[in-house]
């Protein structure tokens, strides 16, 4: 069954789902899953209309009991690429859902999502004791005095082998100034300084 002209309208999520199928790299797909989780979180927290995700779930599933399902079993965006059937599928309700979310999500959030979806580099913590992500370039001892527990107010401890995807990174003395594709720590920060000797930055 062919889709309607309306269902072929531009959709940033449809474009993402189509590109997802072109990658077999587990790290590339992990970065994209994190981008989808970021998008879902920010739809929930940043947009004033609290019904967007419920409406999207109902449209995506297109079931008689989808209203109840949306309450009891919400969709997880990170799983959607695998359940997307494509524009030539009989599941035209998915195209309706994609058109709905296209209209509901502001352009700036769409662009921020696309930047995270297309992340090109990763950071891996390579120090056996982990690494301290710092809010500025002060010595960690000074920052620990400000924030003894390291909860993100001045610094935040991350474990060895932890991987983050980057929007940007640049040398800053003995540190890297990094912008992560996701917010971390109780303060939900994405911009940090980290000692160059404690991490490795590489292409995905």
N, C-alpha and C. Protein backbone atom coordinates (compact mmCIF):
# COMPACT_ATOMS: atom_id res chain seq x y z
N UNK A 1 0.85 -1.19 0.00
CA UNK A 1 0.00 0.00 0.00
C UNK A 1 0.88 1.24 0.00
N UNK A 2 0.72 2.09 -0.94
CA UNK A 2 1.54 3.29 -1.04
C UNK A 2 1.16 4.28 0.04
N UNK A 3 2.11 5.04 0.48
CA UNK A 3 1.83 6.07 1.47
C UNK A 3 1.31 7.31 0.78
N UNK A 4 0.63 8.16 1.55
CA UNK A 4 0.06 9.38 1.00
C UNK A 4 1.14 10.42 0.84
N UNK A 5 0.83 11.47 0.10
CA UNK A 5 1.78 12.57 -0.08
C UNK A 5 2.10 13.21 1.26
N UNK A 6 1.07 13.24 2.15
CA UNK A 6 1.29 13.85 3.45
C UNK A 6 2.34 13.10 4.25
N UNK A 7 2.30 11.75 4.15
CA UNK A 7 3.23 10.95 4.93
C UNK A 7 4.66 11.09 4.44
N UNK A 8 4.83 11.60 3.22
CA UNK A 8 6.17 11.78 2.67
C UNK A 8 6.76 13.15 3.04
N UNK A 9 6.04 13.91 3.86
CA UNK A 9 6.52 15.22 4.28
C UNK A 9 7.83 15.07 5.05
N UNK A 10 8.66 16.12 5.08
CA UNK A 10 9.93 16.02 5.80
C UNK A 10 9.75 15.58 7.25
N UNK A 11 10.67 14.75 7.72
CA UNK A 11 10.65 14.29 9.10
C UNK A 11 12.07 14.02 9.55
N UNK A 12 12.51 14.74 10.58
CA UNK A 12 13.89 14.55 11.05
C UNK A 12 14.07 13.16 11.66
N UNK A 13 13.03 12.60 12.26
CA UNK A 13 13.16 11.26 12.82
C UNK A 13 13.17 10.19 11.73
N UNK A 14 12.35 10.37 10.69
CA UNK A 14 12.39 9.40 9.58
C UNK A 14 13.79 9.38 8.96
N UNK A 15 14.35 10.56 8.75
CA UNK A 15 15.70 10.63 8.18
C UNK A 15 16.70 9.90 9.08
N UNK A 16 16.54 10.06 10.40
CA UNK A 16 17.44 9.39 11.32
C UNK A 16 17.26 7.88 11.26
N UNK A 17 16.02 7.41 11.25
CA UNK A 17 15.78 5.96 11.23
C UNK A 17 16.33 5.33 9.95
N UNK A 18 16.20 6.02 8.84
CA UNK A 18 16.74 5.49 7.58
C UNK A 18 18.26 5.40 7.63
N UNK A 19 18.90 6.41 8.19
CA UNK A 19 20.36 6.38 8.25
C UNK A 19 20.84 5.34 9.26
N UNK A 20 20.05 5.05 10.28
CA UNK A 20 20.44 4.06 11.28
C UNK A 20 20.69 2.70 10.64
N UNK A 21 19.90 2.37 9.63
CA UNK A 21 20.02 1.07 8.97
C UNK A 21 21.32 0.95 8.18
N UNK A 22 21.98 2.07 7.91
CA UNK A 22 23.21 2.05 7.12
C UNK A 22 24.46 1.76 7.95
N UNK A 23 24.31 1.69 9.27
CA UNK A 23 25.46 1.51 10.14
C UNK A 23 25.37 0.18 10.87
N UNK A 24 26.45 -0.58 10.84
CA UNK A 24 26.52 -1.82 11.60
C UNK A 24 27.44 -1.67 12.81
N UNK A 25 28.17 -0.55 12.89
CA UNK A 25 29.07 -0.32 14.01
C UNK A 25 28.28 -0.23 15.31
N UNK A 26 28.67 -1.02 16.30
CA UNK A 26 27.96 -1.00 17.58
C UNK A 26 28.11 0.34 18.28
N UNK A 27 29.27 0.98 18.14
CA UNK A 27 29.46 2.28 18.79
C UNK A 27 28.65 3.36 18.08
N UNK A 28 28.57 3.30 16.76
CA UNK A 28 27.74 4.27 16.06
C UNK A 28 26.28 4.13 16.49
N UNK A 29 25.80 2.90 16.58
CA UNK A 29 24.42 2.68 16.99
C UNK A 29 24.21 3.06 18.45
N UNK A 30 25.23 2.86 19.29
CA UNK A 30 25.13 3.27 20.68
C UNK A 30 25.00 4.79 20.78
N UNK A 31 25.79 5.51 19.99
CA UNK A 31 25.71 6.97 19.98
C UNK A 31 24.32 7.42 19.54
N UNK A 32 23.75 6.74 18.55
CA UNK A 32 22.43 7.11 18.06
C UNK A 32 21.34 6.79 19.08
N UNK A 33 21.49 5.68 19.79
CA UNK A 33 20.52 5.37 20.84
C UNK A 33 20.56 6.43 21.94
N UNK A 34 21.76 6.87 22.27
CA UNK A 34 21.87 7.92 23.30
C UNK A 34 21.25 9.22 22.81
N UNK A 35 21.38 9.50 21.51
CA UNK A 35 20.75 10.71 20.95
C UNK A 35 19.23 10.62 21.06
N UNK A 36 18.68 9.43 20.81
CA UNK A 36 17.22 9.25 20.92
C UNK A 36 16.76 9.38 22.37
N UNK A 37 17.55 8.85 23.31
CA UNK A 37 17.21 9.00 24.73
C UNK A 37 17.27 10.48 25.12
N UNK A 38 18.27 11.20 24.58
CA UNK A 38 18.38 12.64 24.85
C UNK A 38 17.13 13.35 24.35
N UNK A 39 16.70 13.01 23.13
CA UNK A 39 15.53 13.66 22.55
C UNK A 39 14.29 13.40 23.40
N UNK A 40 14.06 12.15 23.78
CA UNK A 40 12.88 11.83 24.57
C UNK A 40 12.89 12.57 25.90
N UNK A 41 14.05 12.60 26.55
CA UNK A 41 14.16 13.30 27.83
C UNK A 41 13.81 14.78 27.68
N UNK A 42 14.32 15.42 26.61
CA UNK A 42 14.11 16.85 26.47
C UNK A 42 12.71 17.19 25.97
N UNK A 43 12.08 16.28 25.26
CA UNK A 43 10.66 16.48 24.96
C UNK A 43 9.86 16.48 26.26
N UNK A 44 10.21 15.56 27.15
CA UNK A 44 9.50 15.44 28.42
C UNK A 44 9.73 16.65 29.33
N UNK A 45 10.97 17.16 29.34
CA UNK A 45 11.32 18.17 30.34
C UNK A 45 11.29 19.60 29.84
N UNK A 46 11.47 19.80 28.52
CA UNK A 46 11.64 21.16 28.01
C UNK A 46 10.40 21.74 27.33
N UNK A 47 9.47 20.88 26.91
CA UNK A 47 8.32 21.37 26.16
C UNK A 47 7.10 21.47 27.08
N UNK A 48 6.33 22.52 26.87
CA UNK A 48 5.21 22.80 27.77
C UNK A 48 4.05 21.84 27.60
N UNK A 49 3.89 21.28 26.40
CA UNK A 49 2.80 20.34 26.16
C UNK A 49 3.19 18.96 26.68
N UNK A 50 2.62 18.56 27.80
CA UNK A 50 2.99 17.31 28.44
C UNK A 50 2.34 16.09 27.79
N UNK A 51 1.51 16.30 26.78
CA UNK A 51 0.81 15.18 26.14
C UNK A 51 1.51 14.70 24.88
N UNK A 52 2.62 15.33 24.48
CA UNK A 52 3.26 15.01 23.20
C UNK A 52 3.64 13.53 23.12
N UNK A 53 4.32 13.02 24.12
CA UNK A 53 4.78 11.64 24.06
C UNK A 53 3.62 10.66 24.10
N UNK A 54 2.57 10.97 24.85
CA UNK A 54 1.40 10.10 24.90
C UNK A 54 0.72 10.05 23.53
N UNK A 55 0.55 11.21 22.90
CA UNK A 55 -0.07 11.25 21.57
C UNK A 55 0.78 10.51 20.55
N UNK A 56 2.10 10.72 20.62
CA UNK A 56 2.99 10.05 19.68
C UNK A 56 2.90 8.53 19.85
N UNK A 57 2.87 8.06 21.09
CA UNK A 57 2.76 6.62 21.36
C UNK A 57 1.49 6.05 20.78
N UNK A 58 0.38 6.74 20.98
CA UNK A 58 -0.91 6.27 20.44
C UNK A 58 -0.87 6.18 18.93
N UNK A 59 -0.30 7.18 18.28
CA UNK A 59 -0.24 7.19 16.82
C UNK A 59 0.71 6.13 16.30
N UNK A 60 1.86 5.96 16.97
CA UNK A 60 2.86 4.99 16.52
C UNK A 60 2.33 3.57 16.59
N UNK A 61 1.60 3.26 17.65
CA UNK A 61 1.11 1.90 17.84
C UNK A 61 -0.19 1.66 17.08
N UNK A 62 -1.04 2.68 17.01
CA UNK A 62 -2.30 2.60 16.27
C UNK A 62 -3.09 1.35 16.64
N UNK A 63 -3.29 1.16 17.92
CA UNK A 63 -4.07 0.03 18.41
C UNK A 63 -5.31 0.54 19.13
N UNK A 64 -6.30 -0.33 19.20
CA UNK A 64 -7.55 0.07 19.83
C UNK A 64 -7.34 0.46 21.29
N UNK A 65 -6.41 -0.21 21.96
CA UNK A 65 -6.16 0.06 23.37
C UNK A 65 -4.89 0.88 23.57
N UNK A 66 -4.47 1.60 22.53
CA UNK A 66 -3.19 2.31 22.61
C UNK A 66 -3.22 3.42 23.65
N UNK A 67 -4.40 3.97 23.95
CA UNK A 67 -4.47 5.02 24.96
C UNK A 67 -4.07 4.46 26.32
N UNK A 68 -4.56 3.28 26.64
CA UNK A 68 -4.18 2.65 27.89
C UNK A 68 -2.72 2.20 27.85
N UNK A 69 -2.27 1.67 26.71
CA UNK A 69 -0.89 1.23 26.57
C UNK A 69 0.09 2.39 26.77
N UNK A 70 -0.29 3.58 26.27
CA UNK A 70 0.59 4.74 26.38
C UNK A 70 0.85 5.09 27.83
N UNK A 71 -0.13 4.80 28.69
CA UNK A 71 0.04 5.07 30.11
C UNK A 71 0.85 3.96 30.79
N UNK A 72 0.54 2.70 30.45
CA UNK A 72 1.13 1.57 31.15
C UNK A 72 2.47 1.13 30.56
N UNK A 73 2.66 1.32 29.26
CA UNK A 73 3.87 0.85 28.60
C UNK A 73 4.36 1.89 27.60
N UNK A 74 4.97 2.97 28.09
CA UNK A 74 5.39 4.04 27.18
C UNK A 74 6.48 3.57 26.22
N UNK A 75 6.54 4.23 25.06
CA UNK A 75 7.60 3.93 24.10
C UNK A 75 8.94 4.42 24.61
N UNK A 76 9.99 3.72 24.20
CA UNK A 76 11.34 4.19 24.43
C UNK A 76 11.92 4.52 23.06
N UNK A 77 12.24 5.78 22.85
CA UNK A 77 12.69 6.22 21.53
C UNK A 77 13.89 5.41 21.02
N UNK A 78 14.75 4.97 21.93
CA UNK A 78 15.95 4.25 21.51
C UNK A 78 15.62 2.95 20.78
N UNK A 79 14.40 2.43 20.96
CA UNK A 79 13.99 1.18 20.30
C UNK A 79 13.27 1.41 18.98
N UNK A 80 12.97 2.65 18.64
CA UNK A 80 12.12 2.91 17.47
C UNK A 80 12.76 2.56 16.13
N UNK A 81 14.08 2.78 15.92
CA UNK A 81 14.62 2.43 14.60
C UNK A 81 14.36 0.98 14.22
N UNK A 82 14.38 0.08 15.19
CA UNK A 82 14.16 -1.33 14.89
C UNK A 82 12.71 -1.67 14.59
N UNK A 83 11.78 -0.84 15.04
CA UNK A 83 10.36 -1.12 14.80
C UNK A 83 9.76 -0.28 13.67
N UNK A 84 10.60 0.61 13.09
CA UNK A 84 10.10 1.43 11.98
C UNK A 84 10.03 0.59 10.71
N UNK A 85 8.87 0.59 10.06
CA UNK A 85 8.63 -0.29 8.91
C UNK A 85 8.94 0.36 7.57
N UNK A 86 9.16 1.68 7.55
CA UNK A 86 9.49 2.35 6.30
C UNK A 86 8.27 2.93 5.60
N UNK A 87 8.52 3.86 4.68
CA UNK A 87 7.43 4.60 4.04
C UNK A 87 6.59 3.74 3.11
N UNK A 88 7.10 2.58 2.67
CA UNK A 88 6.33 1.72 1.77
C UNK A 88 5.54 0.66 2.51
N UNK A 89 5.57 0.71 3.84
CA UNK A 89 4.84 -0.27 4.65
C UNK A 89 3.37 0.10 4.73
N UNK A 90 2.55 -0.88 5.08
CA UNK A 90 1.13 -0.62 5.32
C UNK A 90 0.94 0.11 6.64
N UNK A 91 2.01 0.22 7.43
CA UNK A 91 1.91 0.87 8.73
C UNK A 91 1.98 2.39 8.57
N UNK A 92 1.00 2.95 7.87
CA UNK A 92 1.02 4.39 7.62
C UNK A 92 0.85 5.19 8.90
N UNK A 93 0.34 4.54 9.97
CA UNK A 93 0.19 5.26 11.23
C UNK A 93 1.55 5.70 11.77
N UNK A 94 2.62 4.97 11.44
CA UNK A 94 3.95 5.40 11.86
C UNK A 94 4.34 6.71 11.18
N UNK A 95 3.99 6.83 9.90
CA UNK A 95 4.28 8.08 9.19
C UNK A 95 3.48 9.23 9.77
N UNK A 96 2.24 8.96 10.18
CA UNK A 96 1.44 10.00 10.84
C UNK A 96 2.09 10.43 12.14
N UNK A 97 2.61 9.46 12.88
CA UNK A 97 3.28 9.77 14.15
C UNK A 97 4.54 10.61 13.91
N UNK A 98 5.29 10.28 12.85
CA UNK A 98 6.51 11.03 12.54
C UNK A 98 6.16 12.46 12.11
N UNK A 99 5.08 12.62 11.37
CA UNK A 99 4.65 13.96 10.97
C UNK A 99 4.22 14.76 12.20
N UNK A 100 3.56 14.09 13.13
CA UNK A 100 3.13 14.76 14.37
C UNK A 100 4.33 15.25 15.17
N UNK A 101 5.33 14.39 15.36
CA UNK A 101 6.48 14.78 16.18
C UNK A 101 7.31 15.84 15.47
N UNK A 102 7.32 15.82 14.14
CA UNK A 102 8.02 16.86 13.37
C UNK A 102 7.43 18.23 13.69
N UNK A 103 6.09 18.30 13.76
CA UNK A 103 5.43 19.57 14.03
C UNK A 103 5.53 19.97 15.50
N UNK A 104 5.64 18.98 16.40
CA UNK A 104 5.60 19.26 17.83
C UNK A 104 6.95 19.68 18.40
N UNK A 105 8.03 19.24 17.77
CA UNK A 105 9.38 19.51 18.30
C UNK A 105 9.96 20.76 17.65
N UNK A 106 10.39 21.73 18.43
CA UNK A 106 10.95 22.97 17.86
C UNK A 106 12.19 22.69 17.01
N UNK A 107 12.43 23.55 16.03
CA UNK A 107 13.55 23.38 15.12
C UNK A 107 14.88 23.30 15.86
N UNK A 108 15.08 24.11 16.88
CA UNK A 108 16.34 24.10 17.63
C UNK A 108 16.58 22.72 18.25
N UNK A 109 15.55 22.13 18.81
CA UNK A 109 15.70 20.80 19.41
C UNK A 109 15.97 19.75 18.34
N UNK A 110 15.33 19.89 17.18
CA UNK A 110 15.62 18.98 16.06
C UNK A 110 17.09 19.07 15.66
N UNK A 111 17.59 20.30 15.57
CA UNK A 111 18.99 20.49 15.17
C UNK A 111 19.94 19.94 16.23
N UNK A 112 19.61 20.14 17.50
CA UNK A 112 20.45 19.62 18.58
C UNK A 112 20.45 18.09 18.56
N UNK A 113 19.29 17.50 18.29
CA UNK A 113 19.22 16.04 18.17
C UNK A 113 20.09 15.55 17.01
N UNK A 114 19.97 16.20 15.86
CA UNK A 114 20.73 15.78 14.68
C UNK A 114 22.23 15.87 14.93
N UNK A 115 22.65 16.88 15.67
CA UNK A 115 24.07 17.02 16.00
C UNK A 115 24.53 15.85 16.85
N UNK A 116 23.71 15.42 17.78
CA UNK A 116 24.05 14.27 18.62
C UNK A 116 23.98 12.97 17.83
N UNK A 117 23.00 12.84 16.96
CA UNK A 117 22.86 11.65 16.12
C UNK A 117 24.09 11.46 15.23
N UNK A 118 24.66 12.56 14.77
CA UNK A 118 25.79 12.51 13.84
C UNK A 118 27.14 12.68 14.54
N UNK A 119 27.17 12.47 15.85
CA UNK A 119 28.43 12.63 16.59
C UNK A 119 29.55 11.82 15.93
N UNK A 120 30.72 12.42 15.82
CA UNK A 120 31.82 11.80 15.08
C UNK A 120 32.94 11.27 15.98
N UNK A 121 33.01 11.76 17.23
CA UNK A 121 34.11 11.36 18.10
C UNK A 121 33.60 10.86 19.44
N UNK A 122 34.44 10.09 20.09
CA UNK A 122 34.12 9.55 21.40
C UNK A 122 35.28 9.80 22.34
N UNK A 123 34.97 9.83 23.61
CA UNK A 123 35.97 9.92 24.67
C UNK A 123 35.86 8.66 25.51
N UNK A 124 36.99 8.01 25.76
CA UNK A 124 37.02 6.85 26.66
C UNK A 124 37.97 7.14 27.80
N UNK A 125 37.50 6.92 29.02
CA UNK A 125 38.34 7.10 30.20
C UNK A 125 39.37 5.98 30.22
N UNK A 126 40.65 6.35 30.24
CA UNK A 126 41.73 5.37 30.12
C UNK A 126 42.58 5.26 31.38
N UNK A 127 42.25 6.00 32.40
CA UNK A 127 42.98 5.96 33.67
C UNK A 127 42.35 4.92 34.58
N UNK A 128 43.16 4.03 35.15
CA UNK A 128 42.62 2.92 35.96
C UNK A 128 41.85 3.42 37.17
N UNK A 129 42.13 4.63 37.62
CA UNK A 129 41.41 5.19 38.77
C UNK A 129 40.23 6.06 38.34
N UNK A 130 39.93 6.05 37.06
CA UNK A 130 38.86 6.90 36.56
C UNK A 130 39.38 8.29 36.24
N UNK A 131 38.48 9.20 36.03
CA UNK A 131 38.86 10.57 35.69
C UNK A 131 37.94 11.55 36.38
N UNK A 132 38.47 12.73 36.66
CA UNK A 132 37.68 13.81 37.26
C UNK A 132 37.27 14.78 36.16
N UNK A 133 35.98 14.90 35.93
CA UNK A 133 35.46 15.92 35.04
C UNK A 133 35.28 17.18 35.86
N UNK A 134 35.88 18.28 35.40
CA UNK A 134 35.93 19.50 36.20
C UNK A 134 35.13 20.62 35.51
N UNK A 135 34.57 21.50 36.32
CA UNK A 135 33.80 22.61 35.73
C UNK A 135 34.73 23.69 35.20
N UNK A 136 35.97 23.75 35.70
CA UNK A 136 36.94 24.70 35.18
C UNK A 136 38.33 24.09 35.31
N UNK A 137 39.36 24.86 35.01
CA UNK A 137 40.72 24.31 34.91
C UNK A 137 41.49 24.38 36.23
N UNK A 138 40.83 24.64 37.32
CA UNK A 138 41.52 24.63 38.61
C UNK A 138 42.01 23.23 38.95
N UNK A 139 42.98 23.16 39.83
CA UNK A 139 43.47 21.86 40.29
C UNK A 139 42.33 21.12 40.99
N UNK A 140 42.34 19.80 40.84
CA UNK A 140 41.25 19.01 41.40
C UNK A 140 41.18 19.15 42.91
N UNK A 141 42.33 19.34 43.59
CA UNK A 141 42.31 19.51 45.05
C UNK A 141 41.51 20.75 45.46
N UNK A 142 41.65 21.81 44.66
CA UNK A 142 40.89 23.03 44.95
C UNK A 142 39.40 22.79 44.72
N UNK A 143 39.08 22.09 43.64
CA UNK A 143 37.68 21.81 43.33
C UNK A 143 37.06 20.87 44.36
N UNK A 144 37.85 19.94 44.88
CA UNK A 144 37.35 19.02 45.89
C UNK A 144 36.99 19.76 47.18
N UNK A 145 37.71 20.83 47.46
CA UNK A 145 37.35 21.63 48.64
C UNK A 145 35.98 22.28 48.46
N UNK A 146 35.69 22.71 47.23
CA UNK A 146 34.40 23.33 46.95
C UNK A 146 33.28 22.30 46.95
N UNK A 147 33.61 21.08 46.52
CA UNK A 147 32.59 20.06 46.27
C UNK A 147 33.16 18.70 46.72
N UNK A 148 33.24 18.46 48.04
CA UNK A 148 33.93 17.28 48.56
C UNK A 148 33.40 15.96 48.01
N UNK A 149 32.13 15.88 47.71
CA UNK A 149 31.54 14.61 47.27
C UNK A 149 31.64 14.40 45.76
N UNK A 150 32.06 15.41 45.03
CA UNK A 150 32.19 15.28 43.58
C UNK A 150 30.88 15.01 42.89
N UNK A 151 29.84 15.74 43.30
CA UNK A 151 28.51 15.48 42.71
C UNK A 151 28.23 16.31 41.48
N UNK A 152 29.24 17.06 41.01
CA UNK A 152 29.07 17.83 39.79
C UNK A 152 29.02 19.32 40.00
N UNK A 153 28.96 19.76 41.26
CA UNK A 153 28.96 21.20 41.52
C UNK A 153 30.27 21.83 41.08
N UNK A 154 31.38 21.14 41.37
CA UNK A 154 32.69 21.61 40.93
C UNK A 154 33.45 20.55 40.15
N UNK A 155 33.19 19.29 40.44
CA UNK A 155 33.85 18.19 39.73
C UNK A 155 32.97 16.96 39.83
N UNK A 156 33.26 15.98 38.96
CA UNK A 156 32.45 14.76 38.91
C UNK A 156 33.34 13.59 38.53
N UNK A 157 33.34 12.55 39.35
CA UNK A 157 34.18 11.39 39.13
C UNK A 157 33.50 10.41 38.17
N UNK A 158 34.24 9.97 37.14
CA UNK A 158 33.72 8.98 36.20
C UNK A 158 34.66 7.78 36.19
N UNK A 159 34.12 6.61 35.89
CA UNK A 159 34.87 5.36 36.00
C UNK A 159 35.75 5.09 34.80
N UNK A 160 36.76 4.26 35.04
CA UNK A 160 37.61 3.77 33.97
C UNK A 160 36.77 3.04 32.93
N UNK A 161 37.15 3.16 31.65
CA UNK A 161 36.50 2.52 30.50
C UNK A 161 35.16 3.17 30.12
N UNK A 162 34.71 4.15 30.89
CA UNK A 162 33.45 4.82 30.54
C UNK A 162 33.61 5.54 29.20
N UNK A 163 32.59 5.44 28.35
CA UNK A 163 32.62 6.07 27.03
C UNK A 163 31.55 7.15 26.95
N UNK A 164 31.94 8.29 26.40
CA UNK A 164 31.01 9.38 26.11
C UNK A 164 31.22 9.80 24.66
N UNK A 165 30.14 10.25 24.03
CA UNK A 165 30.23 10.78 22.67
C UNK A 165 30.28 12.30 22.74
N UNK A 166 31.04 12.89 21.83
CA UNK A 166 31.39 14.30 21.94
C UNK A 166 30.75 15.14 20.84
N UNK A 167 30.31 16.32 21.23
CA UNK A 167 29.92 17.34 20.26
C UNK A 167 31.13 18.17 19.86
N UNK A 168 32.07 18.32 20.80
CA UNK A 168 33.31 19.04 20.48
C UNK A 168 34.35 18.74 21.55
N UNK A 169 35.60 18.96 21.19
CA UNK A 169 36.71 18.84 22.15
C UNK A 169 37.87 19.69 21.64
N UNK A 170 38.62 20.24 22.57
CA UNK A 170 39.80 21.02 22.20
C UNK A 170 40.78 21.02 23.36
N UNK A 171 42.09 21.04 23.04
CA UNK A 171 43.09 21.10 24.11
C UNK A 171 42.96 22.41 24.89
N UNK A 172 43.21 22.31 26.21
CA UNK A 172 43.20 23.49 27.07
C UNK A 172 44.29 23.28 28.12
N UNK A 173 45.53 23.60 27.75
CA UNK A 173 46.64 23.31 28.64
C UNK A 173 46.83 21.81 28.75
N UNK A 174 46.85 21.30 29.99
CA UNK A 174 46.98 19.87 30.21
C UNK A 174 45.64 19.14 30.15
N UNK A 175 44.59 19.90 29.92
CA UNK A 175 43.24 19.34 29.89
C UNK A 175 42.69 19.32 28.47
N UNK A 176 41.55 18.66 28.32
CA UNK A 176 40.66 18.84 27.19
C UNK A 176 39.43 19.60 27.68
N UNK A 177 38.96 20.54 26.89
CA UNK A 177 37.64 21.12 27.10
C UNK A 177 36.69 20.34 26.21
N UNK A 178 35.73 19.66 26.82
CA UNK A 178 34.85 18.76 26.08
C UNK A 178 33.39 19.17 26.25
N UNK A 179 32.61 18.92 25.20
CA UNK A 179 31.16 19.06 25.28
C UNK A 179 30.57 17.69 24.93
N UNK A 180 29.95 17.06 25.90
CA UNK A 180 29.39 15.73 25.72
C UNK A 180 28.06 15.80 24.98
N UNK A 181 27.67 14.71 24.36
CA UNK A 181 26.38 14.65 23.67
C UNK A 181 25.23 14.44 24.64
N UNK A 182 25.53 14.25 25.92
CA UNK A 182 24.50 14.04 26.93
C UNK A 182 24.89 14.78 28.19
N UNK A 183 23.92 15.08 29.02
CA UNK A 183 24.18 15.74 30.29
C UNK A 183 24.44 14.67 31.35
N UNK A 184 25.44 14.91 32.21
CA UNK A 184 25.76 13.97 33.27
C UNK A 184 25.86 14.72 34.60
N UNK A 185 25.96 13.97 35.67
CA UNK A 185 26.05 14.45 37.05
C UNK A 185 24.67 14.94 37.49
N UNK A 186 24.45 15.05 38.79
CA UNK A 186 23.15 15.58 39.26
C UNK A 186 22.83 16.97 38.74
N UNK A 187 23.87 17.70 38.33
CA UNK A 187 23.66 19.05 37.79
C UNK A 187 23.34 19.05 36.30
N UNK A 188 23.33 17.88 35.68
CA UNK A 188 22.99 17.77 34.26
C UNK A 188 23.84 18.70 33.40
N UNK A 189 25.15 18.54 33.52
CA UNK A 189 26.08 19.36 32.75
C UNK A 189 26.67 18.55 31.61
N UNK A 190 26.98 19.23 30.51
CA UNK A 190 27.60 18.57 29.37
C UNK A 190 28.99 19.13 29.05
N UNK A 191 29.34 20.27 29.60
CA UNK A 191 30.63 20.90 29.32
C UNK A 191 31.56 20.74 30.51
N UNK A 192 32.77 20.18 30.24
CA UNK A 192 33.70 19.86 31.32
C UNK A 192 35.14 20.04 30.84
N UNK A 193 36.05 20.13 31.80
CA UNK A 193 37.48 19.98 31.58
C UNK A 193 37.89 18.62 32.14
N UNK A 194 38.81 17.94 31.46
CA UNK A 194 39.31 16.66 31.93
C UNK A 194 40.78 16.55 31.54
N UNK A 195 41.59 15.97 32.42
CA UNK A 195 43.02 15.82 32.16
C UNK A 195 43.25 14.97 30.92
N UNK A 196 44.07 15.47 29.99
CA UNK A 196 44.34 14.74 28.76
C UNK A 196 44.93 13.36 29.03
N UNK A 197 45.75 13.24 30.07
CA UNK A 197 46.42 11.97 30.34
C UNK A 197 45.47 10.89 30.86
N UNK A 198 44.24 11.28 31.20
CA UNK A 198 43.30 10.32 31.78
C UNK A 198 42.26 9.81 30.78
N UNK A 199 42.30 10.33 29.55
CA UNK A 199 41.27 9.95 28.58
C UNK A 199 41.89 9.76 27.20
N UNK A 200 41.15 9.07 26.34
CA UNK A 200 41.51 8.95 24.94
C UNK A 200 40.33 9.44 24.10
N UNK A 201 40.63 10.25 23.10
CA UNK A 201 39.61 10.75 22.18
C UNK A 201 39.91 10.20 20.80
N UNK A 202 38.89 9.62 20.18
CA UNK A 202 39.09 8.97 18.87
C UNK A 202 37.80 9.09 18.07
N UNK A 203 37.92 8.83 16.76
CA UNK A 203 36.75 8.79 15.90
C UNK A 203 35.89 7.56 16.25
N UNK A 204 34.59 7.70 16.04
CA UNK A 204 33.68 6.56 16.27
C UNK A 204 33.88 5.56 15.15
